[in-house]
Amino acid sequence: MNPAFGKYLIGIGLLMVAVGVIVYFFSDKLHWLGQLPGDIRIKRERFGFYFPIVTCIVLSVLLNLIIWLVRRFF
Protein backbone atom coordinates (compact mmCIF):
# COMPACT_ATOMS: atom_id res chain seq x y z
CA MET A 1 0.00 0.00 0.00
CA ASN A 2 1.20 3.48 -0.83
CA PRO A 3 2.15 5.72 2.15
CA ALA A 4 0.48 8.68 0.43
CA PHE A 5 -2.84 6.86 0.80
CA GLY A 6 -2.55 7.18 4.58
CA LYS A 7 -1.92 10.90 4.26
CA TYR A 8 -5.04 11.28 2.14
CA LEU A 9 -7.10 9.39 4.70
CA ILE A 10 -5.78 11.61 7.51
CA GLY A 11 -6.54 14.72 5.44
CA ILE A 12 -10.08 13.56 4.71
CA GLY A 13 -10.60 12.76 8.39
CA LEU A 14 -9.38 16.19 9.48
CA LEU A 15 -11.63 17.81 6.90
CA MET A 16 -14.61 15.86 8.22
CA VAL A 17 -13.79 16.92 11.79
CA ALA A 18 -13.55 20.57 10.67
CA VAL A 19 -16.92 20.39 8.91
CA GLY A 20 -18.44 18.73 11.99
CA VAL A 21 -17.13 21.49 14.27
CA ILE A 22 -18.48 24.18 11.94
CA VAL A 23 -21.91 22.55 11.79
CA TYR A 24 -21.96 22.00 15.55
CA PHE A 25 -21.04 25.54 16.55
CA PHE A 26 -22.70 27.46 13.73
CA SER A 27 -25.87 25.44 13.14
CA ASP A 28 -28.02 28.37 14.31
CA LYS A 29 -26.50 30.54 11.57
CA LEU A 30 -26.81 27.81 8.92
CA HIS A 31 -30.59 27.38 9.23
CA TRP A 32 -31.00 28.18 5.51
CA LEU A 33 -28.92 25.15 4.57
CA GLY A 34 -31.35 22.48 3.38
CA GLN A 35 -34.23 24.91 2.98
CA LEU A 36 -33.35 26.60 -0.28
CA PRO A 37 -35.95 27.27 -2.97
CA GLY A 38 -36.08 24.18 -5.17
CA ASP A 39 -35.52 21.66 -2.38
CA ILE A 40 -38.27 19.06 -2.62
CA ARG A 41 -40.44 18.78 0.49
CA ILE A 42 -43.59 16.64 0.60
CA LYS A 43 -45.61 16.29 3.81
CA ARG A 44 -48.68 14.12 4.14
CA GLU A 45 -50.59 12.90 7.16
CA ARG A 46 -48.40 9.88 7.85
CA PHE A 47 -45.64 10.41 5.33
CA GLY A 48 -42.84 12.88 4.79
CA PHE A 49 -40.30 13.08 1.99
CA TYR A 50 -37.45 15.54 1.77
CA PHE A 51 -34.81 15.80 -0.95
CA PRO A 52 -32.53 18.86 -0.81
CA ILE A 53 -31.59 18.90 -4.52
CA VAL A 54 -30.66 22.60 -4.73
CA THR A 55 -28.66 22.41 -1.52
CA CYS A 56 -26.74 19.43 -2.95
CA ILE A 57 -26.01 21.35 -6.14
CA VAL A 58 -24.81 24.43 -4.26
CA LEU A 59 -22.56 22.38 -1.97
CA SER A 60 -21.19 20.46 -4.95
CA VAL A 61 -20.29 23.67 -6.79
CA LEU A 62 -18.63 25.12 -3.67
CA LEU A 63 -16.63 21.96 -2.97
CA ASN A 64 -15.52 21.73 -6.60
CA LEU A 65 -14.41 25.36 -6.50
CA ILE A 66 -12.43 24.78 -3.32
CA ILE A 67 -10.79 21.65 -4.73
CA TRP A 68 -9.96 23.46 -7.96
CA LEU A 69 -8.36 26.36 -6.05
CA VAL A 70 -6.33 24.01 -3.85
CA ARG A 71 -5.07 22.02 -6.83
CA ARG A 72 -4.25 25.18 -8.79
CA PHE A 73 -2.22 26.91 -6.07
CA PHE A 74 -0.62 23.93 -4.30
C-alpha atoms as a PDB file:
ATOM      1  CA  MET A   1       0.000   0.000   0.000  1.00  0.00           C
ATOM      2  CA  ASN A   2       1.198   3.483  -0.832  1.00  0.00           C
ATOM      3  CA  PRO A   3       2.147   5.719   2.155  1.00  0.00           C
ATOM      4  CA  ALA A   4       0.482   8.675   0.426  1.00  0.00           C
ATOM      5  CA  PHE A   5      -2.844   6.863   0.798  1.00  0.00           C
ATOM      6  CA  GLY A   6      -2.555   7.176   4.575  1.00  0.00           C
ATOM      7  CA  LYS A   7      -1.917  10.901   4.258  1.00  0.00           C
ATOM      8  CA  TYR A   8      -5.037  11.282   2.136  1.00  0.00           C
ATOM      9  CA  LEU A   9      -7.102   9.394   4.705  1.00  0.00           C
ATOM     10  CA  ILE A  10      -5.784  11.608   7.509  1.00  0.00           C
ATOM     11  CA  GLY A  11      -6.542  14.718   5.444  1.00  0.00           C
ATOM     12  CA  ILE A  12     -10.078  13.559   4.713  1.00  0.00           C
ATOM     13  CA  GLY A  13     -10.596  12.756   8.394  1.00  0.00           C
ATOM     14  CA  LEU A  14      -9.381  16.192   9.478  1.00  0.00           C
ATOM     15  CA  LEU A  15     -11.629  17.812   6.901  1.00  0.00           C
ATOM     16  CA  MET A  16     -14.613  15.861   8.223  1.00  0.00           C
ATOM     17  CA  VAL A  17     -13.795  16.924  11.789  1.00  0.00           C
ATOM     18  CA  ALA A  18     -13.546  20.566  10.671  1.00  0.00           C
ATOM     19  CA  VAL A  19     -16.916  20.394   8.915  1.00  0.00           C
ATOM     20  CA  GLY A  20     -18.437  18.734  11.987  1.00  0.00           C
ATOM     21  CA  VAL A  21     -17.127  21.492  14.267  1.00  0.00           C
ATOM     22  CA  ILE A  22     -18.482  24.183  11.938  1.00  0.00           C
ATOM     23  CA  VAL A  23     -21.906  22.550  11.788  1.00  0.00           C
ATOM     24  CA  TYR A  24     -21.962  21.999  15.553  1.00  0.00           C
ATOM     25  CA  PHE A  25     -21.036  25.536  16.547  1.00  0.00           C
ATOM     26  CA  PHE A  26     -22.696  27.462  13.726  1.00  0.00           C
ATOM     27  CA  SER A  27     -25.870  25.443  13.141  1.00  0.00           C
ATOM     28  CA  ASP A  28     -28.022  28.374  14.313  1.00  0.00           C
ATOM     29  CA  LYS A  29     -26.498  30.539  11.571  1.00  0.00           C
ATOM     30  CA  LEU A  30     -26.807  27.815   8.922  1.00  0.00           C
ATOM     31  CA  HIS A  31     -30.586  27.379   9.228  1.00  0.00           C
ATOM     32  CA  TRP A  32     -31.005  28.184   5.511  1.00  0.00           C
ATOM     33  CA  LEU A  33     -28.922  25.150   4.574  1.00  0.00           C
ATOM     34  CA  GLY A  34     -31.348  22.485   3.385  1.00  0.00           C
ATOM     35  CA  GLN A  35     -34.232  24.909   2.980  1.00  0.00           C
ATOM     36  CA  LEU A  36     -33.350  26.596  -0.282  1.00  0.00           C
ATOM     37  CA  PRO A  37     -35.955  27.267  -2.971  1.00  0.00           C
ATOM     38  CA  GLY A  38     -36.076  24.180  -5.166  1.00  0.00           C
ATOM     39  CA  ASP A  39     -35.523  21.663  -2.384  1.00  0.00           C
ATOM     40  CA  ILE A  40     -38.270  19.059  -2.621  1.00  0.00           C
ATOM     41  CA  ARG A  41     -40.438  18.780   0.485  1.00  0.00           C
ATOM     42  CA  ILE A  42     -43.594  16.635   0.599  1.00  0.00           C
ATOM     43  CA  LYS A  43     -45.605  16.291   3.809  1.00  0.00           C
ATOM     44  CA  ARG A  44     -48.679  14.121   4.142  1.00  0.00           C
ATOM     45  CA  GLU A  45     -50.594  12.902   7.162  1.00  0.00           C
ATOM     46  CA  ARG A  46     -48.395   9.878   7.852  1.00  0.00           C
ATOM     47  CA  PHE A  47     -45.637  10.408   5.330  1.00  0.00           C
ATOM     48  CA  GLY A  48     -42.836  12.875   4.790  1.00  0.00           C
ATOM     49  CA  PHE A  49     -40.303  13.077   1.989  1.00  0.00           C
ATOM     50  CA  TYR A  50     -37.448  15.540   1.770  1.00  0.00           C
ATOM     51  CA  PHE A  51     -34.814  15.798  -0.948  1.00  0.00           C
ATOM     52  CA  PRO A  52     -32.528  18.855  -0.809  1.00  0.00           C
ATOM     53  CA  ILE A  53     -31.594  18.895  -4.521  1.00  0.00           C
ATOM     54  CA  VAL A  54     -30.664  22.599  -4.733  1.00  0.00           C
ATOM     55  CA  THR A  55     -28.657  22.409  -1.516  1.00  0.00           C
ATOM     56  CA  CYS A  56     -26.740  19.430  -2.952  1.00  0.00           C
ATOM     57  CA  ILE A  57     -26.006  21.346  -6.144  1.00  0.00           C
ATOM     58  CA  VAL A  58     -24.809  24.434  -4.257  1.00  0.00           C
ATOM     59  CA  LEU A  59     -22.564  22.375  -1.970  1.00  0.00           C
ATOM     60  CA  SER A  60     -21.193  20.462  -4.951  1.00  0.00           C
ATOM     61  CA  VAL A  61     -20.288  23.665  -6.785  1.00  0.00           C
ATOM     62  CA  LEU A  62     -18.633  25.119  -3.670  1.00  0.00           C
ATOM     63  CA  LEU A  63     -16.628  21.960  -2.968  1.00  0.00           C
ATOM     64  CA  ASN A  64     -15.521  21.727  -6.604  1.00  0.00           C
ATOM     65  CA  LEU A  65     -14.413  25.356  -6.505  1.00  0.00           C
ATOM     66  CA  ILE A  66     -12.425  24.779  -3.318  1.00  0.00           C
ATOM     67  CA  ILE A  67     -10.788  21.652  -4.730  1.00  0.00           C
ATOM     68  CA  TRP A  68      -9.957  23.463  -7.963  1.00  0.00           C
ATOM     69  CA  LEU A  69      -8.358  26.361  -6.046  1.00  0.00           C
ATOM     70  CA  VAL A  70      -6.327  24.015  -3.849  1.00  0.00           C
ATOM     71  CA  ARG A  71      -5.065  22.022  -6.831  1.00  0.00           C
ATOM     72  CA  ARG A  72      -4.249  25.178  -8.790  1.00  0.00           C
ATOM     73  CA  PHE A  73      -2.217  26.906  -6.072  1.00  0.00           C
ATOM     74  CA  PHE A  74      -0.624  23.927  -4.303  1.00  0.00           C
END
